[in-house]
Protein backbone atom coordinates (compact mmCIF):
# COMPACT_ATOMS: atom_id res chain seq x y z
CA UNK A 1 -0.04 -0.07 -0.27
CA UNK A 2 1.31 3.48 -0.89
CA UNK A 3 2.41 5.23 1.94
CA UNK A 4 -0.15 7.56 3.24
CA UNK A 5 0.47 11.62 2.81
CA UNK A 6 0.17 13.33 6.24
CA UNK A 7 -3.01 14.45 7.10
CA UNK A 8 -2.60 16.64 10.30
CA UNK A 9 -3.31 20.27 10.40
CA UNK A 10 0.40 21.49 10.44
CA UNK A 11 1.22 19.50 7.65
CA UNK A 12 -1.81 20.90 5.45
CA UNK A 13 -0.98 24.38 6.91
CA UNK A 14 2.98 24.20 5.76
CA UNK A 15 1.71 22.93 2.37
CA UNK A 16 -0.79 25.46 1.71
CA UNK A 17 1.22 28.45 2.91
CA UNK A 18 3.99 27.73 0.35
CA UNK A 19 1.57 27.18 -2.18
CA UNK A 20 0.16 30.76 -1.58
CA UNK A 21 3.19 32.31 -1.60
CA UNK A 22 4.04 30.72 -4.92
CA UNK A 23 0.97 31.88 -6.64
CA UNK A 24 1.40 35.42 -5.18
CA UNK A 25 4.63 36.31 -6.76
CA UNK A 26 5.42 36.41 -10.48
CA UNK A 27 7.60 35.51 -12.28
CA UNK A 28 8.76 32.27 -10.79
CA UNK A 29 12.17 33.05 -11.52
CA UNK A 30 11.99 35.88 -8.78
CA UNK A 31 11.52 32.88 -6.20
CA UNK A 32 14.34 30.83 -8.01
CA UNK A 33 16.44 33.23 -7.46
CA UNK A 34 15.38 34.34 -4.01
CA UNK A 35 15.11 30.67 -3.26
CA UNK A 36 18.97 30.25 -4.33
CA UNK A 37 20.05 32.99 -2.31
CA UNK A 38 18.97 31.58 0.82
CA UNK A 39 21.58 29.12 0.62
CA UNK A 40 24.20 31.59 0.57
CA UNK A 41 22.65 34.60 2.28
CA UNK A 42 21.22 32.30 5.66
CA UNK A 43 22.85 33.60 8.93
CA UNK A 44 24.79 30.75 10.37
CA UNK A 45 25.65 29.93 14.04
CA UNK A 46 28.34 28.44 15.97
CA UNK A 47 29.25 28.65 19.80
CA UNK A 48 31.04 31.58 20.42
CA UNK A 49 34.27 29.79 21.44
CA UNK A 50 34.58 27.96 17.94
CA UNK A 51 35.76 30.72 16.03
CA UNK A 52 38.68 31.11 13.46
CA UNK A 53 41.76 33.38 14.44
CA UNK A 54 44.28 34.92 12.01
CA UNK A 55 47.93 35.77 13.37
CA UNK A 56 50.02 37.74 11.37
CA UNK A 57 53.38 37.48 10.66
CA UNK A 58 55.85 40.35 9.36
CA UNK A 59 55.30 41.47 6.25
CA UNK A 60 57.73 41.66 3.06
CA UNK A 61 58.14 44.01 0.49
CA UNK A 62 56.90 43.95 -2.92
CA UNK A 63 57.74 47.11 -4.07
CA UNK A 64 61.05 46.35 -5.77
CA UNK A 65 62.96 44.92 -2.99
CA UNK A 66 63.46 41.02 -3.15
CA UNK A 67 61.24 39.24 -0.62
CA UNK A 68 58.19 36.84 0.10
CA UNK A 69 55.04 38.81 -0.41
CA UNK A 70 53.64 35.92 1.59
CA UNK A 71 55.01 37.65 4.87
CA UNK A 72 51.69 38.82 5.38
CA UNK A 73 50.18 35.00 5.70
CA UNK A 74 48.61 34.07 8.81
CA UNK A 75 47.56 30.90 10.67
CA UNK A 76 44.22 29.78 11.10
CA UNK A 77 43.00 27.58 13.85
CA UNK A 78 39.73 26.44 14.99
CA UNK A 79 38.40 25.63 18.41
CA UNK A 80 38.42 21.87 17.62
CA UNK A 81 41.94 21.69 15.54
CA UNK A 82 44.61 24.02 15.46
CA UNK A 83 46.76 24.39 12.53
CA UNK A 84 43.81 23.23 10.10
CA UNK A 85 45.45 24.62 7.09
CA UNK A 86 48.45 22.53 7.64
CA UNK A 87 47.07 19.70 5.17
CA UNK A 88 47.46 22.08 2.31
CA UNK A 89 51.33 22.08 2.75
CA UNK A 90 51.68 18.98 0.03
CA UNK A 91 50.14 21.12 -2.63
CA UNK A 92 52.70 24.02 -1.73
CA UNK A 93 55.78 22.14 -3.16
CA UNK A 94 54.87 22.67 -6.59
CA UNK A 95 56.32 25.35 -8.70
CA UNK A 96 54.43 28.21 -9.52
CA UNK A 97 53.57 29.62 -13.07
CA UNK A 98 55.58 33.23 -11.89
CA UNK A 99 58.98 32.11 -12.90
CA UNK A 100 61.85 34.23 -12.99
CA UNK A 101 61.70 36.84 -15.95
CA UNK A 102 64.36 37.84 -18.29
CA UNK A 103 62.47 38.55 -21.37
CA UNK A 104 58.97 40.42 -22.29
CA UNK A 105 57.33 43.19 -20.57
CA UNK A 106 58.91 42.59 -16.90
CA UNK A 107 62.29 42.27 -18.06
CA UNK A 108 63.68 43.77 -15.03
CA UNK A 109 61.65 41.59 -13.10
CA UNK A 110 62.32 38.33 -10.97
CA UNK A 111 60.24 36.13 -8.90
CA UNK A 112 60.54 32.59 -7.40
CA UNK A 113 60.02 30.51 -4.61
CA UNK A 114 59.91 31.67 -0.99
CA UNK A 115 62.79 30.36 1.50
CA UNK A 116 61.28 28.26 3.97
CA UNK A 117 57.62 28.71 3.17
CA UNK A 118 55.82 26.60 0.64
CA UNK A 119 52.58 28.41 0.49
CA UNK A 120 51.30 31.80 0.14
CA UNK A 121 49.13 31.80 3.18
CA UNK A 122 50.25 28.76 5.10
CA UNK A 123 46.92 27.80 6.97
CA UNK A 124 44.71 28.19 3.75
CA UNK A 125 44.18 24.98 1.89
CA UNK A 126 43.47 27.02 -1.14
CA UNK A 127 46.71 28.85 -1.20
CA UNK A 128 49.14 28.81 -4.26
CA UNK A 129 52.72 28.19 -3.76
CA UNK A 130 54.45 31.22 -2.20
CA UNK A 131 56.01 33.79 -4.71
CA UNK A 132 59.00 36.42 -3.71
CA UNK A 133 58.78 39.06 -6.45
CA UNK A 134 61.55 42.25 -7.17
CA UNK A 135 61.44 44.46 -9.97
CA UNK A 136 59.40 46.00 -12.62
CA UNK A 137 55.61 44.40 -13.36
CA UNK A 138 55.79 45.81 -16.87
CA UNK A 139 53.10 48.37 -16.01
CA UNK A 140 49.78 48.18 -18.36
CA UNK A 141 50.08 44.45 -19.35
CA UNK A 142 46.23 44.34 -20.43
CA UNK A 143 42.91 46.34 -20.38
CA UNK A 144 42.12 47.03 -16.72
CA UNK A 145 45.51 46.68 -15.36
CA UNK A 146 48.02 49.08 -14.71
CA UNK A 147 51.48 49.37 -12.92
CA UNK A 148 49.78 49.87 -9.66
CA UNK A 149 45.94 48.55 -10.06
CA UNK A 150 43.81 45.64 -11.21
CA UNK A 151 40.57 47.02 -11.89
CA UNK A 152 37.74 44.67 -10.90
CA UNK A 153 33.74 45.37 -11.14
CA UNK A 154 30.85 44.03 -9.17
CA UNK A 155 27.26 44.70 -10.74
CA UNK A 156 24.37 45.03 -8.54
CA UNK A 157 21.26 43.70 -10.63
CA UNK A 158 18.39 46.04 -11.13
CA UNK A 159 16.12 43.68 -9.29
CA UNK A 160 18.52 43.14 -6.20
CA UNK A 161 15.71 44.68 -3.85
CA UNK A 162 12.81 42.88 -4.65
CA UNK A 163 15.29 39.84 -4.82
CA UNK A 164 15.93 40.26 -1.19
CA UNK A 165 12.20 41.06 -0.10
CA UNK A 166 11.41 37.89 -2.11
CA UNK A 167 14.06 35.54 -0.55
CA UNK A 168 12.85 37.48 3.03
CA UNK A 169 9.56 35.93 2.63
CA UNK A 170 10.63 32.24 1.86
CA UNK A 171 12.74 32.11 4.72
CA UNK A 172 12.08 34.43 7.95
CA UNK A 173 15.67 32.97 9.26
CA UNK A 174 17.43 34.87 6.25
CA UNK A 175 17.35 38.47 6.68
CA UNK A 176 17.63 40.82 3.59
CA UNK A 177 21.14 41.85 2.96
CA UNK A 178 21.70 45.59 1.62
CA UNK A 179 24.08 46.76 -0.79
CA UNK A 180 25.88 48.95 1.66
CA UNK A 181 26.45 45.43 3.67
CA UNK A 182 27.22 43.85 0.69
CA UNK A 183 29.93 45.92 -0.78
CA UNK A 184 31.44 46.59 2.68
CA UNK A 185 32.01 42.78 2.88
CA UNK A 186 33.48 42.47 -0.78
CA UNK A 187 35.84 45.38 -0.33
CA UNK A 188 37.05 43.86 3.17
CA UNK A 189 38.07 40.54 1.60
CA UNK A 190 39.52 42.90 -1.23
CA UNK A 191 42.12 44.53 1.43
CA UNK A 192 42.69 40.96 2.80
CA UNK A 193 43.67 39.53 -0.62
CA UNK A 194 45.73 42.83 -1.45
CA UNK A 195 47.70 42.13 1.83
CA UNK A 196 48.09 38.66 1.55
CA UNK A 197 48.58 37.26 -2.01
CA UNK A 198 51.34 38.30 -4.55
CA UNK A 199 50.30 40.91 -7.07
CA UNK A 200 53.26 42.03 -7.94
CA UNK A 201 53.19 45.72 -6.75
CA UNK A 202 49.54 46.02 -8.04
CA UNK A 203 46.67 46.33 -5.86
CA UNK A 204 42.81 45.14 -6.74
CA UNK A 205 40.27 48.20 -7.27
CA UNK A 206 36.99 46.79 -6.89
CA UNK A 207 34.08 49.03 -8.07
CA UNK A 208 30.38 48.47 -7.85
CA UNK A 209 27.81 49.88 -10.42
CA UNK A 210 23.77 49.52 -10.54
CA UNK A 211 23.27 47.47 -13.83
CA UNK A 212 20.40 47.86 -16.03
CA UNK A 213 20.00 44.00 -16.18
CA UNK A 214 17.95 41.69 -13.62
CA UNK A 215 18.66 38.33 -12.54
CA UNK A 216 15.05 36.93 -13.13
CA UNK A 217 15.12 38.14 -16.41
CA UNK A 218 18.57 36.59 -17.54
CA UNK A 219 17.74 33.39 -15.74
CA UNK A 220 15.16 32.82 -18.00
CA UNK A 221 17.47 33.43 -21.15
CA UNK A 222 16.14 37.08 -21.35
CA UNK A 223 17.30 40.73 -20.88
CA UNK A 224 20.25 40.36 -23.40
CA UNK A 225 20.26 44.11 -24.36
CA UNK A 226 20.31 44.94 -20.71
CA UNK A 227 23.16 42.24 -19.73
CA UNK A 228 25.38 43.66 -22.88
CA UNK A 229 24.91 47.24 -21.64
CA UNK A 230 26.24 46.33 -18.19
CA UNK A 231 29.20 44.16 -19.58
CA UNK A 232 30.04 47.27 -21.45
CA UNK A 233 29.87 49.54 -18.53
CA UNK A 234 32.17 46.91 -16.90
CA UNK A 235 34.72 46.84 -19.72
CA UNK A 236 34.70 50.26 -20.91
CA UNK A 237 33.45 52.68 -17.79
CA UNK A 238 34.99 50.88 -15.26
CA UNK A 239 37.77 49.49 -17.10
CA UNK A 240 37.80 46.22 -15.48
CA UNK A 241 39.76 43.20 -15.86
CA UNK A 242 37.41 40.76 -14.24
CA UNK A 243 33.88 40.83 -12.85
CA UNK A 244 32.97 39.29 -9.93
CA UNK A 245 29.10 38.78 -10.33
CA UNK A 246 28.90 36.73 -12.90
CA UNK A 247 25.75 34.58 -11.62
CA UNK A 248 24.07 33.54 -14.78
CA UNK A 249 25.00 32.82 -18.30
CA UNK A 250 23.39 35.74 -20.21
CA UNK A 251 25.59 38.28 -18.55
CA UNK A 252 28.52 35.92 -18.44
CA UNK A 253 28.70 35.47 -22.05
CA UNK A 254 28.14 39.18 -22.56
CA UNK A 255 31.23 40.02 -20.67
CA UNK A 256 33.28 37.37 -22.41
CA UNK A 257 32.51 39.25 -25.60
CA UNK A 258 33.83 42.02 -24.07
CA UNK A 259 37.07 40.49 -22.82
CA UNK A 260 36.53 40.47 -19.21
CA UNK A 261 37.51 37.75 -17.11
CA UNK A 262 34.36 36.58 -14.83
CA UNK A 263 33.95 34.72 -11.81
CA UNK A 264 30.88 32.59 -12.87
CA UNK A 265 28.75 31.13 -10.17
CA UNK A 266 25.95 29.32 -12.13
CA UNK A 267 26.20 25.79 -12.86
CA UNK A 268 27.03 25.84 -16.58
CA UNK A 269 28.24 23.04 -18.82
CA UNK A 270 31.88 22.68 -19.39
CA UNK A 271 31.29 22.89 -23.11
CA UNK A 272 29.78 26.53 -22.41
CA UNK A 273 32.87 27.37 -20.10
CA UNK A 274 35.35 26.54 -22.51
CA UNK A 275 33.50 28.14 -25.43
CA UNK A 276 34.20 31.13 -24.17
CA UNK A 277 37.90 30.47 -22.96
CA UNK A 278 39.58 32.20 -21.38
CA UNK A 279 37.12 34.40 -19.79
CA UNK A 280 34.69 32.33 -17.84
CA UNK A 281 35.73 30.75 -14.58
CA UNK A 282 34.01 29.18 -11.58
CA UNK A 283 34.46 28.78 -8.06
CA UNK A 284 31.61 25.71 -7.68
CA UNK A 285 31.39 22.80 -9.79
CA UNK A 286 29.97 22.97 -13.92
CA UNK A 287 26.65 20.90 -14.12
CA UNK A 288 29.28 18.53 -16.04
CA UNK A 289 31.02 18.00 -13.27
CA UNK A 290 28.07 17.31 -10.89
CA UNK A 291 26.21 14.92 -13.21
CA UNK A 292 29.54 12.88 -13.54
CA UNK A 293 29.71 12.73 -9.89
CA UNK A 294 25.95 11.38 -8.99
CA UNK A 295 26.13 9.37 -12.25
CA UNK A 296 28.77 7.81 -11.07
CA UNK A 297 27.59 7.05 -7.49
CA UNK A 298 24.46 5.77 -9.03
CA UNK A 299 25.83 3.53 -11.26
CA UNK A 300 28.19 1.96 -8.67
CA UNK A 301 25.86 1.92 -5.65
CA UNK A 302 22.34 1.90 -6.65
CA UNK A 303 21.47 0.71 -10.28
CA UNK A 304 20.23 -2.87 -10.57
CA UNK A 305 19.42 -3.00 -6.82
CA UNK A 306 16.21 -2.64 -4.53
CA UNK A 307 15.03 0.59 -3.55
CA UNK A 308 16.09 0.54 -0.24
CA UNK A 309 15.40 4.19 0.46
CA UNK A 310 11.96 4.71 -0.87
CA UNK A 311 8.89 4.69 0.81
CA UNK A 312 5.61 3.20 0.77
CA UNK A 313 4.96 0.15 -1.97
CA UNK A 314 8.10 1.74 -3.53
CA UNK A 315 10.32 0.57 -0.84
CA UNK A 316 12.29 -2.64 -2.07
CA UNK A 317 11.11 -2.51 -5.80
CA UNK A 318 13.97 -2.77 -8.07
CA UNK A 319 14.99 0.79 -9.04
CA UNK A 320 13.50 2.68 -11.91
CA UNK A 321 15.01 5.81 -12.66
CA UNK A 322 13.68 9.30 -13.53
CA UNK A 323 15.57 12.48 -14.44
CA UNK A 324 14.25 15.73 -13.98
CA UNK A 325 15.87 18.68 -15.61
CA UNK A 326 14.77 21.97 -16.78
CA UNK A 327 14.67 23.16 -20.76
CA UNK A 328 17.65 25.30 -20.27
CA UNK A 329 20.41 24.54 -23.02
CA UNK A 330 22.89 24.35 -20.15
CA UNK A 331 20.98 21.75 -18.46
CA UNK A 332 20.03 19.76 -21.34
CA UNK A 333 23.46 19.07 -22.31
CA UNK A 334 23.96 17.82 -18.60
CA UNK A 335 20.76 15.83 -18.85
CA UNK A 336 21.55 13.98 -22.19
CA UNK A 337 24.98 13.35 -20.39
CA UNK A 338 23.12 11.13 -17.74
CA UNK A 339 21.47 9.55 -19.96
CA UNK A 340 24.41 8.50 -21.84
CA UNK A 341 26.08 7.50 -18.86
CA UNK A 342 23.51 5.41 -17.43
CA UNK A 343 23.54 3.72 -20.55
CA UNK A 344 27.37 2.93 -20.65
CA UNK A 345 26.88 1.75 -17.25
CA UNK A 346 24.47 -0.90 -17.86
CA UNK A 347 21.26 0.66 -16.83
CA UNK A 348 18.37 2.89 -18.25
CA UNK A 349 16.82 6.36 -17.12
CA UNK A 350 13.12 5.32 -17.43
CA UNK A 351 11.88 8.76 -17.57
CA UNK A 352 13.81 11.33 -18.92
CA UNK A 353 11.56 14.37 -18.27
CA UNK A 354 11.78 18.10 -18.63
CA UNK A 355 9.98 21.35 -17.60
CA UNK A 356 9.71 25.01 -18.76
CA UNK A 357 10.23 27.56 -16.27
CA UNK A 358 7.37 29.62 -16.35
CA UNK A 359 5.54 30.48 -13.39
CA UNK A 360 2.12 30.25 -15.16
CA UNK A 361 2.20 26.71 -15.75
CA UNK A 362 4.85 25.09 -13.38
CA UNK A 363 2.38 24.18 -10.90
CA UNK A 364 0.48 22.29 -13.67
CA UNK A 365 3.86 20.81 -14.85
CA UNK A 366 4.76 19.39 -11.39
CA UNK A 367 1.53 18.01 -11.12
CA UNK A 368 2.09 16.30 -14.33
CA UNK A 369 5.40 15.08 -13.40
CA UNK A 370 4.96 13.51 -10.31
CA UNK A 371 1.89 12.02 -11.74
CA UNK A 372 3.90 10.47 -14.60
CA UNK A 373 6.71 9.33 -12.46
CA UNK A 374 4.01 7.54 -9.80
CA UNK A 375 2.00 6.15 -12.87
CA UNK A 376 5.06 4.54 -14.21
CA UNK A 377 6.77 3.29 -10.99
CA UNK A 378 9.73 5.24 -10.99
CA UNK A 379 11.51 4.48 -7.42
CA UNK A 380 14.16 7.19 -7.88
CA UNK A 381 14.38 10.50 -9.04
CA UNK A 382 17.57 12.07 -9.74
CA UNK A 383 17.59 16.05 -9.41
CA UNK A 384 19.04 18.37 -11.95
CA UNK A 385 16.66 21.15 -10.97
CA UNK A 386 16.44 25.03 -9.93
CA UNK A 387 16.38 24.96 -5.96
CA UNK A 388 12.76 25.92 -5.99
CA UNK A 389 11.13 22.68 -8.02
CA UNK A 390 12.05 20.13 -5.61
CA UNK A 391 9.75 22.49 -2.93
CA UNK A 392 6.91 21.77 -5.57
CA UNK A 393 7.82 18.70 -6.46
CA UNK A 394 7.75 17.54 -2.85
CA UNK A 395 4.51 18.97 -2.01
CA UNK A 396 2.87 17.20 -4.99
CA UNK A 397 4.29 14.22 -4.60
CA UNK A 398 3.29 14.20 -0.77
CA UNK A 399 -0.46 14.91 -2.07
CA UNK A 400 -0.40 11.92 -4.51
CA UNK A 401 1.13 9.65 -1.78
CA UNK A 402 4.34 8.93 -3.95
CA UNK A 403 7.60 8.70 -1.85
CA UNK A 404 10.70 7.80 -4.02
CA UNK A 405 14.37 8.15 -3.51
CA UNK A 406 15.07 11.69 -4.31
CA UNK A 407 18.64 11.62 -5.37
CA UNK A 408 20.44 14.87 -5.29
CA UNK A 409 23.43 15.86 -7.75
CA UNK A 410 24.39 19.27 -5.97
CA UNK A 411 23.23 21.67 -8.30
CA UNK A 412 21.91 25.08 -7.54
CA UNK A 413 22.57 24.58 -3.88
CA UNK A 414 20.09 21.56 -3.15
CA UNK A 415 22.60 20.01 -1.16
CA UNK A 416 22.65 23.25 1.31
CA UNK A 417 20.61 22.69 4.78
CA UNK A 418 18.49 25.57 4.19
CA UNK A 419 17.29 24.11 0.87
CA UNK A 420 16.55 20.79 2.28
CA UNK A 421 14.73 22.48 5.49
CA UNK A 422 11.92 23.89 3.30
CA UNK A 423 11.01 20.98 1.08
CA UNK A 424 8.18 18.81 2.42
CA UNK A 425 9.78 16.71 4.94
CA UNK A 426 7.54 13.48 4.70
CA UNK A 427 9.28 13.43 1.30
CA UNK A 428 12.82 14.93 2.11
CA UNK A 429 13.83 12.09 4.52
CA UNK A 430 14.11 9.91 1.44
CA UNK A 431 16.47 12.36 0.07
CA UNK A 432 20.19 11.82 -0.68
CA UNK A 433 23.01 12.04 -3.48
CA UNK A 434 26.28 13.78 -3.80
CA UNK A 435 27.86 17.17 -2.65
CA UNK A 436 31.26 18.64 -3.80
CA UNK A 437 31.07 20.74 -0.34
CA UNK A 438 31.81 17.97 2.14
CA UNK A 439 31.35 18.73 5.74
CA UNK A 440 30.03 22.28 6.39
CA UNK A 441 31.08 24.94 9.03
CA UNK A 442 29.47 27.46 10.48
CA UNK A 443 30.67 31.01 9.56
CA UNK A 444 32.38 31.65 12.56
CA UNK A 445 34.77 28.68 11.87
CA UNK A 446 35.21 29.86 7.71
CA UNK A 447 38.08 30.68 5.91
CA UNK A 448 36.02 34.23 4.87
CA UNK A 449 35.11 35.18 8.58
CA UNK A 450 38.74 34.57 9.32
CA UNK A 451 39.92 36.93 6.49
CA UNK A 452 37.31 39.50 6.99
CA UNK A 453 37.79 39.94 10.84
CA UNK A 454 41.52 39.89 10.03
CA UNK A 455 40.73 43.35 8.55
CA UNK A 456 37.63 44.77 9.97
CA UNK A 457 37.58 43.51 13.57
CA UNK A 458 34.98 45.85 14.70
CA UNK A 459 32.27 45.06 11.89
CA UNK A 460 30.26 42.06 11.79
CA UNK A 461 30.92 39.85 9.25
CA UNK A 462 27.99 38.78 7.32
CA UNK A 463 27.03 35.74 5.88
CA UNK A 464 28.36 36.95 2.25
CA UNK A 465 32.00 36.70 3.73
CA UNK A 466 32.32 32.91 2.61
CA UNK A 467 30.83 33.97 -1.03
CA UNK A 468 33.23 36.81 -1.16
CA UNK A 469 36.13 34.92 -0.23
CA UNK A 470 35.63 32.35 -2.40
CA UNK A 471 35.15 34.29 -5.48
CA UNK A 472 38.13 36.31 -4.52
CA UNK A 473 40.31 33.47 -3.82
CA UNK A 474 39.54 32.13 -7.82
CA UNK A 475 40.73 35.77 -9.08
CA UNK A 476 43.76 36.18 -6.72
CA UNK A 477 44.88 32.42 -7.56
CA UNK A 478 44.85 33.08 -11.35
CA UNK A 479 46.58 36.66 -10.77
CA UNK A 480 49.46 35.53 -8.78
CA UNK A 481 49.96 32.17 -10.64
CA UNK A 482 49.91 34.55 -14.16
CA UNK A 483 52.92 36.63 -12.80
CA UNK A 484 53.86 40.10 -13.56
CA UNK A 485 52.54 40.00 -17.18
CA UNK A 486 48.87 39.74 -16.33
CA UNK A 487 46.76 39.25 -19.34
CA UNK A 488 43.32 37.22 -19.75
CA UNK A 489 45.65 34.51 -21.42
CA UNK A 490 48.50 34.25 -18.68
CA UNK A 491 45.82 34.15 -16.08
CA UNK A 492 44.42 30.92 -17.98
CA UNK A 493 47.95 29.73 -17.88
CA UNK A 494 48.43 30.26 -14.32
CA UNK A 495 44.97 28.52 -13.38
CA UNK A 496 46.15 25.48 -15.10
CA UNK A 497 49.66 25.38 -13.53
CA UNK A 498 48.01 25.92 -10.02
CA UNK A 499 48.94 22.55 -8.61
CA UNK A 500 45.25 22.49 -6.74
CA UNK A 501 44.10 22.77 -3.42
CA UNK A 502 44.53 20.22 -0.42
CA UNK A 503 42.30 17.28 -0.85
CA UNK A 504 40.67 16.92 2.57
CA UNK A 505 40.85 18.97 5.92
CA UNK A 506 38.64 20.47 8.41
CA UNK A 507 38.74 23.95 6.82
CA UNK A 508 38.36 22.67 3.22
CA UNK A 509 35.29 24.90 2.85
CA UNK A 510 34.55 24.39 -0.57
CA UNK A 511 35.49 21.35 -1.42
CA UNK A 512 38.96 20.39 -3.37
CA UNK A 513 39.99 22.78 -6.31
CA UNK A 514 41.74 21.99 -9.45
CA UNK A 515 41.51 23.59 -12.57
CA UNK A 516 42.39 22.11 -16.53
CA UNK A 517 41.63 22.92 -19.85
CA UNK A 518 38.76 20.38 -20.04
CA UNK A 519 36.86 22.26 -17.26
CA UNK A 520 37.45 25.87 -16.11
CA UNK A 521 35.52 25.24 -12.79
CA UNK A 522 36.77 24.26 -9.52
CA UNK A 523 35.06 20.70 -8.99
CA UNK A 524 37.41 17.84 -8.44
CA UNK A 525 35.62 15.00 -5.68
CA UNK A 526 32.48 14.49 -4.37
CA UNK A 527 31.29 12.86 -1.01
CA UNK A 528 27.72 10.95 -0.56
CA UNK A 529 25.49 12.70 1.47
CA UNK A 530 21.88 11.79 3.25
CA UNK A 531 19.11 14.04 4.64
CA UNK A 532 18.24 13.74 8.16
CA UNK A 533 15.14 15.94 9.25
CA UNK A 534 15.94 15.57 12.84
CA UNK A 535 19.46 16.72 12.84
CA UNK A 536 20.38 20.17 13.90
CA UNK A 537 22.43 22.39 10.96
CA UNK A 538 25.59 24.03 11.92
CA UNK A 539 24.74 26.16 8.94
CA UNK A 540 21.71 28.06 10.14
CA UNK A 541 20.68 26.68 13.49
CA UNK A 542 17.60 25.08 11.99
CA UNK A 543 16.26 21.38 12.20
CA UNK A 544 17.14 19.23 9.30
CA UNK A 545 20.34 19.10 7.84
CA UNK A 546 22.61 16.97 5.38
CA UNK A 547 25.05 14.51 6.71
CA UNK A 548 28.34 13.42 4.87
CA UNK A 549 28.55 9.51 4.71
CA UNK A 550 31.67 8.66 2.86
CA UNK A 551 35.24 9.78 2.31
CA UNK A 552 35.80 12.21 -0.70
CA UNK A 553 36.13 10.37 -4.01
CA UNK A 554 37.55 12.10 -7.17
CA UNK A 555 34.84 12.39 -9.93
CA UNK A 556 34.51 8.79 -11.19
CA UNK A 557 36.07 7.19 -8.21
CA UNK A 558 33.06 6.27 -6.30
CA UNK A 559 33.45 2.64 -5.09
CA UNK A 560 31.00 -0.21 -5.69
CA UNK A 561 28.77 -1.79 -3.06
CA UNK A 562 26.15 0.28 -1.39
CA UNK A 563 25.77 3.64 0.39
CA UNK A 564 27.23 4.04 3.56
CA UNK A 565 24.38 5.52 5.29
CA UNK A 566 23.22 4.37 8.91
CA UNK A 567 20.62 1.99 10.18
CA UNK A 568 17.49 3.46 10.43
CA UNK A 569 17.88 5.61 7.17
CA UNK A 570 15.41 7.23 6.36
CA UNK A 571 14.60 8.81 9.44
CA UNK A 572 11.00 9.78 10.09
CA UNK A 573 10.63 13.44 10.41
CA UNK A 574 9.31 15.26 13.49
CA UNK A 575 5.58 15.52 14.14
CA UNK A 576 4.12 18.93 12.69
């Protein structure tokens, strides 16, 4: 007998409130964008004693005298483990891309390793090798680069305030963020990286500007003219070498056309990233990397076995897989990849489903998707969706008494606690999959918090500190590894020469990083995770959290067997 949907009044109110909220806003992409932001803007909690501290060491000169710019490097410790960045030391032995120069624009310059110091920032598992530098940096080596500055921009979209308002309505625990707080956080991080990384006599100069484009339109593939205008502002008015807010493919592609290096926090396919080489880079995995990892996990640990983690009449049935992805070109590239990987591994995707992100039809589409999967007996649903869709899908599935295994790939921050907490818990206790994040830590134990508070000890570090640190870390790695002759092309060479982050460690906040010509994004390894509706989240202090269930495995390297989930999973959610 199919598991009955909860009928208590609390569950009904929970479902009805979210449906009313969904119907009360248009366009839907406002929700999608706002909901995705919850995972990056929800305040994080931790005991006061569990903080990261930074101890400065004497600074070395980079203004012409030979020395190690890494003299500013600090040592991070947590209340639980001292020197947690030490694991990164193994990656510091590799030589940097910034080697001694005898020809070219920086003919009078010399650079090399730092005596007695392997990493630029010893406590940071993402740090590149330490570089000492003296002499001329060659002056203006590229648009946006002078002898003293590297210009970078940050576009504030025209719908920033409305997105903040919308996401505040979706999550009472997530306060709206002002542009002033956002800029303060990013400028603090710029100061940190200027102080700690080797930029060969130059300093990052960050300019915020008000854009014409809206994230809501661009997320739907619209607003190209406005995105193009904003890219022109970045490239020509600001004169930016790089842009930090490439949060969608429309704006990112416009920036690439203007030859602006862009940090892209969007789940693009590898092919889309490399098509605009060398301008698009991502501090999060591509959907190609996400789908490669989740399909490897599915093939080796789930396929051709009973649906152990499903509910109701589906539990224990031979697994039949469905795949859900939006009708977005990048997502469809990765959905097709998933189907091909399944076939190569000896199983099939029973239902390859897609949907149109359209506010007027999405509710109906979700009803139809769930009805089809239930009718076809799909036991296991692989999610390659936006962050909002599981909210509606889990509602519809619960209403129809359909309790499949929900298999997450990590796209759109579905693997963040704040995401799982607002999905229908009677459904989401059957959720598991893979994540590139690894064990999560509260803001106060993060690299970004330590970096920001080392610069601004009297200012509160908002939750964007980790995101700002992550984006600027990528940019700083490429600039340092490029050497003094900084151009988009040498930036790319530097990124490929970067030996990679540590592969594990308590302060490996963003998972392991490595960049290759095949993928201009950071993802290299993933963990198996499961959702526990009763666990206490270290991310936001709320009930409901994902738990890491395996060591980190390189993409394609999951072992054969069964998932290492604890006895009792899936856990029954608390009564409403």
